[in-house]
Amino acid sequence: MTHEVFNQPPPLVDYDVSADAALLAAVAREGAPWAVGDLHRLGKQAGTASSQLWADEANRFEPRLMTHDRYGHRIDEVEFHPSWHQLMSVAVGAGLAGAAWTDGRRGAHVARAAGLFVWSQVEAGHSCPVSMTYAVVPALRNNSALSKMYDPLLTSREYDPGLRTPAAKRGLLAGMGMTEKQGGSDVRANTTAATPAGDGTWRLRGHKWFTSAPMCDLFLVLAQAPGGLSCFLVPRVLPDGTRNVFRIQRLKDKLGNRSNASSEPEFDDTVAWLVGDEGRGVRTIIEMVAMTRLDCVTGSASGMRAALSQAIHHTRHRSAFGRVLADQPAMSNVLADLAIESEAATLLAMRLAGAVDRGEQQFKRLAIAIGKFWVCKRQPAVVGEALECLGGNGYVEDSGLPRLYRDAPLNSIWEGSGNVQALDVLRTLNRDPESLEALLAEMSAASGADRRLDAAVTELKKTPDESQARRVVERMALVLQGSLLVRHAPPEVADAFCATRLGGDWGHTFGTLPTSVHTAALVDRAAPA
C-alpha cells in the first residue's frame, strides 16, 4: 500500500431521513401530527445501507422487456431486479400509493406526501407507479361501478406484483396512457380510436408514445370515440383471466429514471371500459393529472433535499486549505443558499398536499400548476450545485449524485413541461377569477410582515399576456413560497429568502447571499441528523 486514506467523509448511512425540521413542522401544521411516528420509522429505513443498496441495484440492473415466452407466446412483460420490488414493497406498505383516499384521518394526504418526500430520497424511479396509482383513484370515481370494483385494491397497502386477474390480487397498481407520437402534450391530436363493442365495453386500436410502468395492472387511456376524445380503463388482464392486448414495442432508453420502465404500447382490439362521459376525456383524466403534478412538486423537493444532505455531510467531513469545507465562508454561503431553496420547496409541497386534504379547489387549481412549474425547474440547478460541493467525489456513480442529477429534469417534463404549466395558469386566471382570489388570499396571509413580500403581492395583481407567462408564474411561485416562509420558517430563513428571491439582493448562481445572512445557522438547520 502506497498511502494512508484520510480526509474522506464516512458514508451518509444509518440516519433518519425524516429528521428534517422544516418537513416535520409542516406535517404537523398541515394537519397530520399523528403521522410523525410512522414518518420517523420510514425515515430510519430510508437511511439504511440496505435501502441505499436497493436503489443502486434497481438502477444498475435495468428493467428488461420480454415480448414472448420460450414457446413463442406473446406475453409483453417487463422483468425487474429484486431490489425494485423491495423499494416498491416499502412504498406501498407505507401507504404511499392509493391508501390516503380511504384513510379517514385528517391530514391523510399530507402524511402520504411527507412519506413520499422521505422515501423518494432513497430512489426516485419507483415513485412513478406509486404516484400514478395514487392519482388514478379520484379519476376512476367518474365510473361508480369500476370504482367500487377497483378502489379497495388500488388503496391497498399490499404490493402484489405480476400480471393476474385483478380481482384475485391483494393490491393493484395503475398507470396512464395519454401522449402519442404525433401530439405529445397536445392530446387532442391523438389518433387512437375507440369503438363500442355493444356489450358495455369498447375496443381500442392505436398506440401510446410514453407509457411508464407497463407492468401496472390498470391504465387510464385517452382515445377518440365517436363522441370525441374520451377516457378509458384498460386492464392488462381481463376479468376472465385472459391477457388484454397491450403490445409493448420497446422500452425507452432514457436519460434518467432508469429503474422505471417506460414503454411504447400498441392497442389492437384492446378491451376497455369508458370512464366518465364520452367526449369528456380530458376533463375526466385531469384530476389524475393534477395529482401526479402534485407528486412532481413533492418528488422534486425530495430530490433537492437528498442532494443538499449529501452536500452538507460531505463538506462537514472534508478539509481543504487547512479548514473544514463547510466552515469556509464561500462554501457556507453555497450550502445556506441551497438550504433556503430546499426549505421553500418543502413548505410549498406540504401546503399543496394540505390543500388536497381540505378540498381547497380554487387554491390548488392554480397553486399546483405554479408549484409544478417552479419547483421542478429548480431541482436540476440545486442538484448540480450540490454535486459541485462534492467535486470529483460526487461525479462518480458510487456517490449517488449522478443518478440524482440524471433524474432531476424528469418532473419538469412529466405531466406538462414549463410552457404547458405556465399557459395553464394563464387560462385559469382568465376562466376562474376565484382561483386568483384564493391564491392572493394565501399570499396576503403574511401581509405587513415583510415589505418586500408586500410589494411583490401588489405587483402580481396586474394581468399578464401570453409572452410573459413564465415570468409571471415564476414570480407567483416565489411570492407563494415567500409567504409560507415568512409565516412558518425561522426569521433568518424567511429574511434571507425575501432579500434574495423577492428583493433582488442576489446573484445569478447559488452562493451569492448577502453578507447579512447568518449562513452557518441555515446550514445547521438543514444538516442531516
Protein backbone atom coordinates (compact mmCIF):
# COMPACT_ATOMS: atom_id res chain seq x y z
CA MET A 1 0.00 0.00 0.00
CA THR A 2 1.46 3.33 -1.05
CA HIS A 3 -0.54 5.66 1.19
CA GLU A 4 -2.99 6.09 4.03
CA VAL A 5 -6.58 7.02 3.15
CA PHE A 6 -7.70 10.06 5.12
CA ASN A 7 -9.69 13.29 4.69
CA GLN A 8 -12.55 11.33 3.10
CA PRO A 9 -16.09 11.58 4.55
CA PRO A 10 -17.75 8.49 6.01
CA PRO A 11 -20.84 7.17 4.17
CA LEU A 12 -24.04 9.02 4.94
CA VAL A 13 -25.82 5.99 6.34
CA ASP A 14 -27.87 4.86 9.35
CA TYR A 15 -29.56 8.20 9.83
CA ASP A 16 -33.19 9.33 9.95
CA VAL A 17 -34.06 10.94 6.61
CA SER A 18 -37.27 12.33 8.10
CA ALA A 19 -35.42 14.28 10.82
CA ASP A 20 -35.93 17.46 8.85
CA ALA A 21 -37.14 20.42 10.92
CA ALA A 22 -38.94 22.12 8.04
CA LEU A 23 -40.72 18.92 7.00
CA LEU A 24 -41.83 17.85 10.46
CA ALA A 25 -43.18 21.30 11.32
CA ALA A 26 -45.10 21.41 8.03
CA VAL A 27 -46.60 17.96 8.59
CA ALA A 28 -47.95 18.99 11.99
CA ARG A 29 -49.14 22.38 10.75
CA GLU A 30 -50.94 20.96 7.72
CA GLY A 31 -52.95 18.52 9.80
CA ALA A 32 -51.05 15.25 10.25
CA PRO A 33 -49.15 15.34 13.57
CA TRP A 34 -50.33 11.76 14.13
CA ALA A 35 -48.13 10.63 11.23
CA VAL A 36 -44.79 11.71 12.71
CA GLY A 37 -44.05 8.36 14.36
CA ASP A 38 -44.60 6.44 11.12
CA LEU A 39 -42.59 9.07 9.27
CA HIS A 40 -39.61 8.53 11.56
CA ARG A 41 -39.81 4.77 11.07
CA LEU A 42 -39.82 5.25 7.31
CA GLY A 43 -37.02 7.80 7.59
CA LYS A 44 -34.81 5.40 9.51
CA GLN A 45 -35.47 2.71 6.90
CA ALA A 46 -34.58 5.21 4.17
CA GLY A 47 -31.25 5.92 5.83
CA THR A 48 -30.09 2.31 5.99
CA ALA A 49 -27.35 0.78 3.86
CA SER A 50 -29.78 -1.88 2.62
CA SER A 51 -32.18 0.74 1.21
CA GLN A 52 -29.30 2.53 -0.48
CA LEU A 53 -28.18 -0.79 -1.99
CA TRP A 54 -31.70 -1.43 -3.35
CA ALA A 55 -31.62 1.98 -5.03
CA ASP A 56 -28.24 1.31 -6.61
CA GLU A 57 -29.16 -2.16 -7.84
CA ALA A 58 -32.54 -1.14 -9.22
CA ASN A 59 -30.74 1.39 -11.43
CA ARG A 60 -27.68 -0.67 -12.34
CA PHE A 61 -29.75 -3.71 -13.36
CA GLU A 62 -32.38 -2.05 -15.51
CA PRO A 63 -35.82 -3.41 -16.48
CA ARG A 64 -35.77 -5.96 -19.31
CA LEU A 65 -38.54 -6.36 -21.88
CA MET A 66 -39.72 -9.88 -22.70
CA THR A 67 -42.15 -9.79 -25.62
CA HIS A 68 -42.51 -13.60 -25.88
CA ASP A 69 -42.10 -16.61 -23.65
CA ARG A 70 -39.86 -19.57 -24.54
CA TYR A 71 -42.66 -21.19 -26.54
CA GLY A 72 -43.37 -18.16 -28.70
CA HIS A 73 -46.46 -16.89 -26.92
CA ARG A 74 -46.75 -13.11 -26.77
CA ILE A 75 -46.52 -12.05 -23.11
CA ASP A 76 -45.33 -8.38 -23.14
CA GLU A 77 -43.83 -8.46 -19.68
CA VAL A 78 -41.05 -6.45 -18.07
CA GLU A 79 -38.63 -8.10 -15.68
CA PHE A 80 -37.26 -6.08 -12.75
CA HIS A 81 -34.37 -6.66 -10.40
CA PRO A 82 -35.45 -7.90 -6.93
CA SER A 83 -34.32 -4.57 -5.43
CA TRP A 84 -37.02 -2.78 -7.41
CA HIS A 85 -39.60 -4.99 -5.73
CA GLN A 86 -38.09 -4.24 -2.31
CA LEU A 87 -38.44 -0.50 -2.93
CA MET A 88 -41.99 -0.93 -4.17
CA SER A 89 -42.96 -3.11 -1.23
CA VAL A 90 -41.84 -0.50 1.28
CA ALA A 91 -43.55 2.31 -0.63
CA VAL A 92 -46.91 0.58 -0.98
CA GLY A 93 -46.72 -0.79 2.56
CA ALA A 94 -46.18 2.73 3.87
CA GLY A 95 -49.37 3.88 2.17
CA LEU A 96 -47.65 5.98 -0.49
CA ALA A 97 -49.82 4.60 -3.31
CA GLY A 98 -53.60 4.92 -3.05
CA ALA A 99 -54.12 4.40 0.68
CA ALA A 100 -54.73 8.08 1.52
CA TRP A 101 -58.03 8.07 -0.35
CA THR A 102 -59.61 5.65 2.14
CA ASP A 103 -57.77 6.82 5.25
CA GLY A 104 -60.37 8.74 7.22
CA ARG A 105 -57.88 10.61 9.39
CA ARG A 106 -57.48 14.35 8.98
CA GLY A 107 -54.28 15.10 7.08
CA ALA A 108 -54.06 11.74 5.32
CA HIS A 109 -52.81 13.29 2.07
CA VAL A 110 -50.23 15.37 3.94
CA ALA A 111 -48.97 12.26 5.71
CA ARG A 112 -48.75 10.44 2.41
CA ALA A 113 -46.92 13.36 0.69
CA ALA A 114 -44.44 13.54 3.56
CA GLY A 115 -43.80 9.82 3.28
CA LEU A 116 -43.23 10.18 -0.47
CA PHE A 117 -40.84 13.08 0.21
CA VAL A 118 -38.82 10.92 2.61
CA TRP A 119 -38.83 7.61 0.75
CA SER A 120 -38.15 9.15 -2.68
CA GLN A 121 -34.83 10.39 -1.33
CA VAL A 122 -33.73 6.75 -1.49
CA GLU A 123 -34.68 6.28 -5.16
CA ALA A 124 -36.98 8.29 -7.40
CA GLY A 125 -37.76 5.90 -10.26
CA HIS A 126 -40.11 3.58 -8.42
CA SER A 127 -42.21 6.52 -7.26
CA CYS A 128 -43.69 6.71 -10.79
CA PRO A 129 -46.12 3.76 -10.48
CA VAL A 130 -46.68 4.68 -6.84
CA SER A 131 -47.69 8.20 -7.85
CA MET A 132 -49.91 7.12 -10.72
CA THR A 133 -51.73 4.62 -8.50
CA TYR A 134 -52.41 7.44 -6.05
CA ALA A 135 -53.60 9.74 -8.83
CA VAL A 136 -55.90 7.29 -10.63
CA VAL A 137 -58.32 6.86 -7.72
CA PRO A 138 -60.21 10.20 -7.97
CA ALA A 139 -60.39 9.96 -11.78
CA LEU A 140 -61.75 6.41 -11.67
CA ARG A 141 -64.55 7.59 -9.41
CA ASN A 142 -66.18 9.03 -12.54
CA ASN A 143 -67.40 5.46 -13.12
CA SER A 144 -69.02 4.24 -9.90
CA ALA A 145 -69.09 0.58 -10.93
CA LEU A 146 -65.40 0.49 -11.82
CA SER A 147 -64.51 2.48 -8.73
CA LYS A 148 -66.42 0.09 -6.49
CA MET A 149 -64.60 -2.83 -8.09
CA TYR A 150 -61.06 -1.49 -8.02
CA ASP A 151 -60.87 1.12 -5.22
CA PRO A 152 -60.23 -1.40 -2.43
CA LEU A 153 -57.27 -2.86 -4.35
CA LEU A 154 -55.83 0.46 -5.56
CA THR A 155 -55.90 1.75 -1.99
CA SER A 156 -54.39 -1.44 -0.54
CA ARG A 157 -51.09 -1.41 1.35
CA GLU A 158 -50.03 -4.75 -0.13
CA TYR A 159 -47.62 -4.91 -3.05
CA ASP A 160 -48.62 -7.85 -5.23
CA PRO A 161 -46.59 -7.81 -8.47
CA GLY A 162 -47.27 -9.90 -11.55
CA LEU A 163 -49.99 -9.96 -14.21
CA ARG A 164 -53.02 -11.84 -12.92
CA THR A 165 -56.77 -11.34 -12.80
CA PRO A 166 -57.20 -8.06 -10.88
CA ALA A 167 -59.90 -9.40 -8.58
CA ALA A 168 -57.59 -12.23 -7.49
CA LYS A 169 -54.80 -9.90 -6.32
CA ARG A 170 -54.20 -8.35 -2.90
CA GLY A 171 -53.34 -4.95 -4.34
CA LEU A 172 -53.23 -3.19 -7.70
CA LEU A 173 -51.05 -0.58 -9.39
CA ALA A 174 -52.26 1.82 -12.06
CA GLY A 175 -50.74 3.88 -14.84
CA MET A 176 -51.89 6.15 -17.65
CA GLY A 177 -51.52 6.36 -21.42
CA MET A 178 -52.05 9.86 -22.78
CA THR A 179 -49.43 11.02 -25.27
CA GLU A 180 -48.85 9.82 -28.82
CA LYS A 181 -46.07 10.26 -31.38
CA GLN A 182 -47.76 13.00 -33.36
CA GLY A 183 -49.15 15.04 -30.49
CA GLY A 184 -47.14 14.90 -27.28
CA SER A 185 -48.75 17.33 -24.85
CA ASP A 186 -51.44 18.11 -27.43
CA VAL A 187 -53.54 15.10 -26.52
CA ARG A 188 -56.46 16.30 -28.66
CA ALA A 189 -54.30 15.29 -31.65
CA ASN A 190 -54.48 11.64 -30.51
CA THR A 191 -55.48 9.12 -33.18
CA THR A 192 -56.10 6.00 -31.07
CA ALA A 193 -59.67 5.00 -31.92
CA ALA A 194 -62.32 3.64 -29.54
CA THR A 195 -65.27 1.66 -30.91
CA PRO A 196 -68.23 0.50 -28.80
CA ALA A 197 -68.46 -3.31 -28.70
CA GLY A 198 -72.19 -3.42 -27.92
CA ASP A 199 -71.77 -5.20 -24.58
CA GLY A 200 -70.82 -2.21 -22.45
CA THR A 201 -67.14 -2.46 -23.36
CA TRP A 202 -65.10 -0.69 -26.02
CA ARG A 203 -62.30 -1.76 -28.36
CA LEU A 204 -59.19 0.39 -28.80
CA ARG A 205 -56.85 0.49 -31.76
CA GLY A 206 -53.76 2.71 -31.83
CA HIS A 207 -50.64 3.46 -29.81
CA LYS A 208 -49.16 5.45 -26.94
CA TRP A 209 -45.76 7.07 -27.08
CA PHE A 210 -44.60 7.30 -23.44
CA THR A 211 -46.40 4.94 -21.07
CA SER A 212 -44.48 4.35 -17.88
CA ALA A 213 -44.66 1.35 -15.59
CA PRO A 214 -46.20 -1.07 -18.14
CA MET A 215 -46.40 -3.82 -15.51
CA CYS A 216 -49.16 -1.93 -13.74
CA ASP A 217 -52.48 -3.76 -13.58
CA LEU A 218 -54.72 -0.97 -14.93
CA PHE A 219 -54.28 2.07 -17.15
CA LEU A 220 -56.36 5.15 -17.84
CA VAL A 221 -56.06 5.77 -21.59
CA LEU A 222 -57.27 8.58 -23.85
CA ALA A 223 -58.80 7.58 -27.20
CA GLN A 224 -61.05 9.09 -29.85
CA ALA A 225 -64.61 7.78 -29.50
CA PRO A 226 -67.42 8.72 -31.92
CA GLY A 227 -68.36 11.49 -29.47
CA GLY A 228 -64.84 12.85 -29.15
CA LEU A 229 -61.75 12.29 -27.01
CA SER A 230 -62.69 10.04 -24.10
CA CYS A 231 -61.10 8.31 -21.12
CA PHE A 232 -60.99 4.52 -20.83
CA LEU A 233 -59.87 1.95 -18.30
CA VAL A 234 -57.59 -0.69 -19.83
CA PRO A 235 -56.63 -3.68 -17.64
CA ARG A 236 -53.58 -5.76 -18.55
CA VAL A 237 -55.51 -8.92 -17.61
CA LEU A 238 -59.22 -9.24 -18.27
CA PRO A 239 -61.72 -10.43 -15.64
CA ASP A 240 -61.80 -13.92 -17.21
CA GLY A 241 -58.01 -14.25 -16.76
CA THR A 242 -57.02 -13.76 -20.42
CA ARG A 243 -54.36 -11.22 -21.39
CA ASN A 244 -55.64 -7.98 -22.88
CA VAL A 245 -53.81 -6.77 -25.99
CA PHE A 246 -51.04 -4.45 -24.76
CA ARG A 247 -48.16 -4.96 -27.20
CA ILE A 248 -45.00 -3.35 -25.86
CA GLN A 249 -42.93 -2.33 -28.88
CA ARG A 250 -39.89 -1.27 -26.87
CA LEU A 251 -38.74 0.31 -23.62
CA LYS A 252 -37.45 3.86 -23.70
CA ASP A 253 -33.70 4.38 -23.37
CA LYS A 254 -33.95 7.36 -21.02
CA LEU A 255 -31.62 9.98 -19.59
CA GLY A 256 -32.57 9.11 -16.03
CA ASN A 257 -35.38 7.29 -14.24
CA ARG A 258 -33.53 4.16 -15.37
CA SER A 259 -35.01 1.85 -12.74
CA ASN A 260 -38.51 2.51 -14.04
CA ALA A 261 -39.69 1.02 -17.33
CA SER A 262 -41.30 3.40 -19.82
CA SER A 263 -42.85 1.83 -22.88
CA GLU A 264 -44.46 2.29 -26.28
CA PRO A 265 -47.57 0.07 -26.27
CA GLU A 266 -49.88 -0.66 -29.16
CA PHE A 267 -53.58 -1.47 -28.82
CA ASP A 268 -55.30 -3.76 -31.32
CA ASP A 269 -58.87 -4.76 -30.42
CA THR A 270 -57.91 -3.99 -26.83
CA VAL A 271 -60.82 -4.25 -24.38
CA ALA A 272 -61.60 -1.08 -22.44
CA TRP A 273 -64.30 0.46 -20.25
CA LEU A 274 -65.46 4.06 -20.55
CA VAL A 275 -64.64 6.29 -17.55
CA GLY A 276 -66.67 9.49 -17.39
CA ASP A 277 -68.74 10.88 -20.23
CA GLU A 278 -67.94 10.20 -23.86
CA GLY A 279 -66.15 13.18 -25.38
CA ARG A 280 -65.06 14.47 -21.95
CA GLY A 281 -61.81 12.53 -21.67
CA VAL A 282 -59.56 15.44 -20.77
CA ARG A 283 -61.93 16.66 -18.08
CA THR A 284 -62.17 13.12 -16.68
CA ILE A 285 -58.44 12.45 -16.54
CA ILE A 286 -57.48 15.96 -15.41
CA GLU A 287 -57.84 15.07 -11.72
CA MET A 288 -55.31 12.29 -12.21
CA VAL A 289 -53.02 14.76 -13.96
CA ALA A 290 -53.39 17.26 -11.10
CA MET A 291 -52.44 14.66 -8.51
CA THR A 292 -49.40 13.50 -10.48
CA ARG A 293 -48.37 17.15 -10.80
CA LEU A 294 -48.59 17.42 -7.03
CA ASP A 295 -46.25 14.45 -6.78
CA CYS A 296 -43.89 16.10 -9.26
CA VAL A 297 -43.58 19.01 -6.83
CA THR A 298 -43.09 16.67 -3.88
CA GLY A 299 -40.61 14.50 -5.78
CA SER A 300 -38.53 17.47 -6.88
CA ALA A 301 -38.48 18.86 -3.35
CA SER A 302 -37.36 15.40 -2.22
CA GLY A 303 -34.56 15.30 -4.78
CA MET A 304 -33.34 18.73 -3.68
CA ARG A 305 -33.31 17.64 -0.06
CA ALA A 306 -31.40 14.44 -0.86
CA ALA A 307 -28.74 16.39 -2.75
CA LEU A 308 -28.47 19.03 -0.02
CA SER A 309 -27.99 16.38 2.66
CA GLN A 310 -25.15 14.82 0.69
CA ALA A 311 -23.50 18.23 0.16
CA ILE A 312 -23.64 19.22 3.82
CA HIS A 313 -22.47 15.81 5.01
CA HIS A 314 -19.51 15.78 2.61
CA THR A 315 -18.37 19.32 3.33
CA ARG A 316 -18.56 18.82 7.08
CA HIS A 317 -16.20 15.86 6.86
CA ARG A 318 -13.67 17.10 4.34
CA SER A 319 -10.96 19.72 4.75
CA ALA A 320 -9.16 21.88 2.23
CA PHE A 321 -6.57 24.59 2.71
CA GLY A 322 -6.41 23.92 6.42
CA ARG A 323 -10.14 24.19 7.24
CA VAL A 324 -13.28 22.06 7.09
CA LEU A 325 -15.03 22.90 3.84
CA ALA A 326 -18.40 23.69 5.42
CA ASP A 327 -16.78 26.27 7.71
CA GLN A 328 -15.29 28.26 4.88
CA PRO A 329 -17.35 31.38 4.08
CA ALA A 330 -17.72 30.73 0.35
CA MET A 331 -18.89 27.14 0.88
CA SER A 332 -21.13 28.10 3.79
CA ASN A 333 -22.82 30.63 1.52
CA VAL A 334 -23.48 27.99 -1.13
CA LEU A 335 -24.87 25.48 1.37
CA ALA A 336 -27.08 28.07 3.04
CA ASP A 337 -28.45 29.20 -0.32
CA LEU A 338 -29.26 25.60 -1.25
CA ALA A 339 -30.88 25.10 2.15
CA ILE A 340 -33.16 28.09 1.58
CA GLU A 341 -34.20 26.73 -1.80
CA SER A 342 -34.86 23.29 -0.33
CA GLU A 343 -36.93 24.57 2.59
CA ALA A 344 -39.02 26.77 0.32
CA ALA A 345 -39.77 23.79 -1.92
CA THR A 346 -40.62 21.56 1.05
CA LEU A 347 -43.06 24.04 2.55
CA LEU A 348 -44.81 24.55 -0.76
CA ALA A 349 -45.16 20.80 -1.39
CA MET A 350 -46.70 20.21 2.04
CA ARG A 351 -49.00 23.20 1.67
CA LEU A 352 -50.30 21.80 -1.62
CA ALA A 353 -50.92 18.41 -0.01
CA GLY A 354 -52.82 20.21 2.74
CA ALA A 355 -55.00 21.86 0.10
CA VAL A 356 -55.93 18.40 -1.22
CA ASP A 357 -56.88 17.27 2.27
CA ARG A 358 -59.01 20.33 2.88
CA GLY A 359 -60.62 20.39 -0.56
CA GLU A 360 -59.36 23.88 -1.42
CA GLN A 361 -60.33 23.57 -5.06
CA GLN A 362 -59.78 27.19 -6.16
CA PHE A 363 -56.39 27.46 -4.47
CA LYS A 364 -54.98 24.16 -5.66
CA ARG A 365 -56.19 24.70 -9.23
CA LEU A 366 -53.61 27.47 -9.60
CA ALA A 367 -51.09 26.60 -6.92
CA ILE A 368 -50.32 23.05 -8.07
CA ALA A 369 -49.51 24.24 -11.61
CA ILE A 370 -47.41 27.10 -10.21
CA GLY A 371 -45.52 24.76 -7.91
CA LYS A 372 -45.04 22.21 -10.69
CA PHE A 373 -43.57 24.90 -12.96
CA TRP A 374 -41.12 26.35 -10.45
CA VAL A 375 -40.02 23.65 -8.03
CA CYS A 376 -39.42 21.12 -10.79
CA LYS A 377 -37.27 23.64 -12.66
CA ARG A 378 -35.20 24.37 -9.56
CA GLN A 379 -34.26 20.74 -8.93
CA PRO A 380 -31.62 20.39 -11.71
CA ALA A 381 -29.90 23.61 -10.58
CA VAL A 382 -29.88 22.54 -6.93
CA VAL A 383 -28.62 19.03 -7.64
CA GLY A 384 -25.94 20.35 -9.98
CA GLU A 385 -24.65 22.78 -7.36
CA ALA A 386 -24.75 20.12 -4.64
CA LEU A 387 -22.76 17.77 -6.88
CA GLU A 388 -20.15 20.51 -7.28
CA CYS A 389 -19.83 20.69 -3.48
CA LEU A 390 -18.58 17.09 -3.60
CA GLY A 391 -16.32 17.79 -6.56
CA GLY A 392 -14.85 14.72 -8.21
CA ASN A 393 -16.17 12.54 -5.37
CA GLY A 394 -19.69 13.48 -6.46
CA TYR A 395 -19.05 12.82 -10.13
CA VAL A 396 -18.61 9.08 -9.71
CA GLU A 397 -21.58 6.72 -9.71
CA ASP A 398 -20.85 5.33 -6.25
CA SER A 399 -21.76 8.69 -4.69
CA GLY A 400 -25.36 8.53 -5.93
CA LEU A 401 -25.21 12.14 -7.13
CA PRO A 402 -25.01 11.25 -10.85
CA ARG A 403 -28.26 9.33 -10.51
CA LEU A 404 -29.88 12.29 -8.74
CA TYR A 405 -28.62 14.58 -11.49
CA ARG A 406 -29.96 12.40 -14.31
CA ASP A 407 -33.32 12.11 -12.56
CA ALA A 408 -33.56 15.85 -11.84
CA PRO A 409 -35.08 17.10 -15.15
CA LEU A 410 -37.83 14.48 -15.31
CA ASN A 411 -40.51 16.08 -13.15
CA SER A 412 -40.33 19.29 -15.16
CA ILE A 413 -41.22 17.30 -18.30
CA TRP A 414 -43.69 14.77 -16.91
CA GLU A 415 -47.35 15.84 -16.95
CA GLY A 416 -46.67 19.00 -18.92
CA SER A 417 -43.42 20.91 -19.37
CA GLY A 418 -42.82 24.51 -18.33
CA ASN A 419 -44.78 26.22 -21.08
CA VAL A 420 -47.74 23.90 -20.57
CA GLN A 421 -47.85 24.74 -16.85
CA ALA A 422 -47.42 28.47 -17.40
CA LEU A 423 -50.15 28.61 -20.04
CA ASP A 424 -52.45 26.50 -17.84
CA VAL A 425 -52.02 29.13 -15.14
CA LEU A 426 -52.92 31.95 -17.56
CA ARG A 427 -56.00 30.07 -18.77
CA THR A 428 -57.13 29.50 -15.19
CA LEU A 429 -56.63 33.20 -14.40
CA ASN A 430 -58.91 34.11 -17.30
CA ARG A 431 -61.57 31.45 -16.69
CA ASP A 432 -61.68 31.28 -12.91
CA PRO A 433 -61.12 34.62 -11.14
CA GLU A 434 -61.95 32.95 -7.83
CA SER A 435 -58.77 30.88 -8.11
CA LEU A 436 -56.71 34.06 -8.30
CA GLU A 437 -58.56 35.42 -5.28
CA ALA A 438 -57.76 32.25 -3.33
CA LEU A 439 -54.10 32.44 -4.35
CA LEU A 440 -53.80 36.13 -3.42
CA ALA A 441 -55.51 35.45 -0.09
CA GLU A 442 -52.87 32.81 0.69
CA MET A 443 -50.05 35.14 -0.33
CA SER A 444 -51.53 38.04 1.64
CA ALA A 445 -51.82 35.98 4.83
CA ALA A 446 -48.37 37.34 5.74
CA SER A 447 -49.32 40.94 4.92
CA GLY A 448 -47.34 43.52 6.88
CA ALA A 449 -44.62 41.09 7.95
CA ASP A 450 -42.14 41.90 5.17
CA ARG A 451 -42.19 44.95 2.89
CA ARG A 452 -40.54 43.04 0.03
CA LEU A 453 -43.23 40.40 0.14
CA ASP A 454 -45.99 43.02 0.31
CA ALA A 455 -44.62 44.80 -2.75
CA ALA A 456 -44.39 41.55 -4.68
CA VAL A 457 -48.01 40.63 -3.90
CA THR A 458 -49.19 44.03 -5.13
CA GLU A 459 -47.24 43.62 -8.35
CA LEU A 460 -48.95 40.30 -9.12
CA LYS A 461 -52.38 41.88 -9.44
CA LYS A 462 -51.56 43.02 -12.98
CA THR A 463 -52.95 40.95 -15.87
CA PRO A 464 -50.15 39.26 -17.91
CA ASP A 465 -50.10 38.42 -21.61
CA GLU A 466 -49.01 35.05 -23.02
CA SER A 467 -45.44 36.09 -23.82
CA GLN A 468 -44.91 36.87 -20.14
CA ALA A 469 -46.43 33.63 -18.87
CA ARG A 470 -43.21 32.16 -17.49
CA ARG A 471 -42.15 35.42 -15.90
CA VAL A 472 -45.47 35.80 -14.08
CA VAL A 473 -45.73 32.17 -12.94
CA GLU A 474 -42.15 32.22 -11.65
CA ARG A 475 -42.97 35.34 -9.65
CA MET A 476 -46.16 33.77 -8.31
CA ALA A 477 -44.20 30.75 -7.11
CA LEU A 478 -41.61 32.89 -5.35
CA VAL A 479 -44.24 35.07 -3.69
CA LEU A 480 -46.17 32.00 -2.54
CA GLN A 481 -43.01 30.45 -1.13
CA GLY A 482 -42.08 33.76 0.49
CA SER A 483 -45.46 33.99 2.19
CA LEU A 484 -45.14 30.46 3.57
CA LEU A 485 -41.61 31.09 4.85
CA VAL A 486 -42.48 34.43 6.46
CA ARG A 487 -45.32 32.76 8.37
CA HIS A 488 -43.75 29.42 9.22
CA ALA A 489 -39.94 29.41 8.94
CA PRO A 490 -37.36 30.86 11.34
CA PRO A 491 -36.86 34.61 10.74
CA GLU A 492 -33.34 34.12 9.38
CA VAL A 493 -34.63 31.76 6.67
CA ALA A 494 -37.57 33.97 5.69
CA ASP A 495 -35.49 37.16 5.66
CA ALA A 496 -32.78 35.60 3.50
CA PHE A 497 -35.40 34.32 1.04
CA CYS A 498 -37.20 37.65 0.77
CA ALA A 499 -33.95 39.61 0.45
CA THR A 500 -32.71 37.42 -2.39
CA ARG A 501 -35.65 35.91 -4.26
CA LEU A 502 -38.02 38.88 -3.85
CA GLY A 503 -35.77 41.83 -3.01
CA GLY A 504 -33.15 41.22 -5.69
CA ASP A 505 -30.10 41.17 -3.40
CA TRP A 506 -28.80 38.04 -5.09
CA GLY A 507 -26.56 36.96 -7.93
CA HIS A 508 -27.24 34.56 -10.80
CA THR A 509 -25.75 31.50 -9.06
CA PHE A 510 -26.17 29.83 -5.69
CA GLY A 511 -23.77 31.08 -3.04
CA THR A 512 -24.46 34.76 -3.63
CA LEU A 513 -26.38 35.51 -0.42
CA PRO A 514 -25.75 38.96 1.08
CA THR A 515 -23.34 39.37 3.99
CA SER A 516 -26.25 39.98 6.37
CA VAL A 517 -27.29 36.31 6.19
CA HIS A 518 -26.12 34.08 9.05
CA THR A 519 -25.20 31.20 6.76
CA ALA A 520 -23.91 28.83 9.45
CA ALA A 521 -27.29 28.84 11.22
CA LEU A 522 -29.09 27.93 8.00
CA VAL A 523 -26.68 25.08 7.32
CA ASP A 524 -27.08 23.78 10.88
CA ARG A 525 -30.85 23.74 10.44
CA ALA A 526 -30.63 21.73 7.22
CA ALA A 527 -27.91 19.26 8.23
CA PRO A 528 -28.90 15.56 8.16
CA ALA A 529 -29.37 14.25 11.68
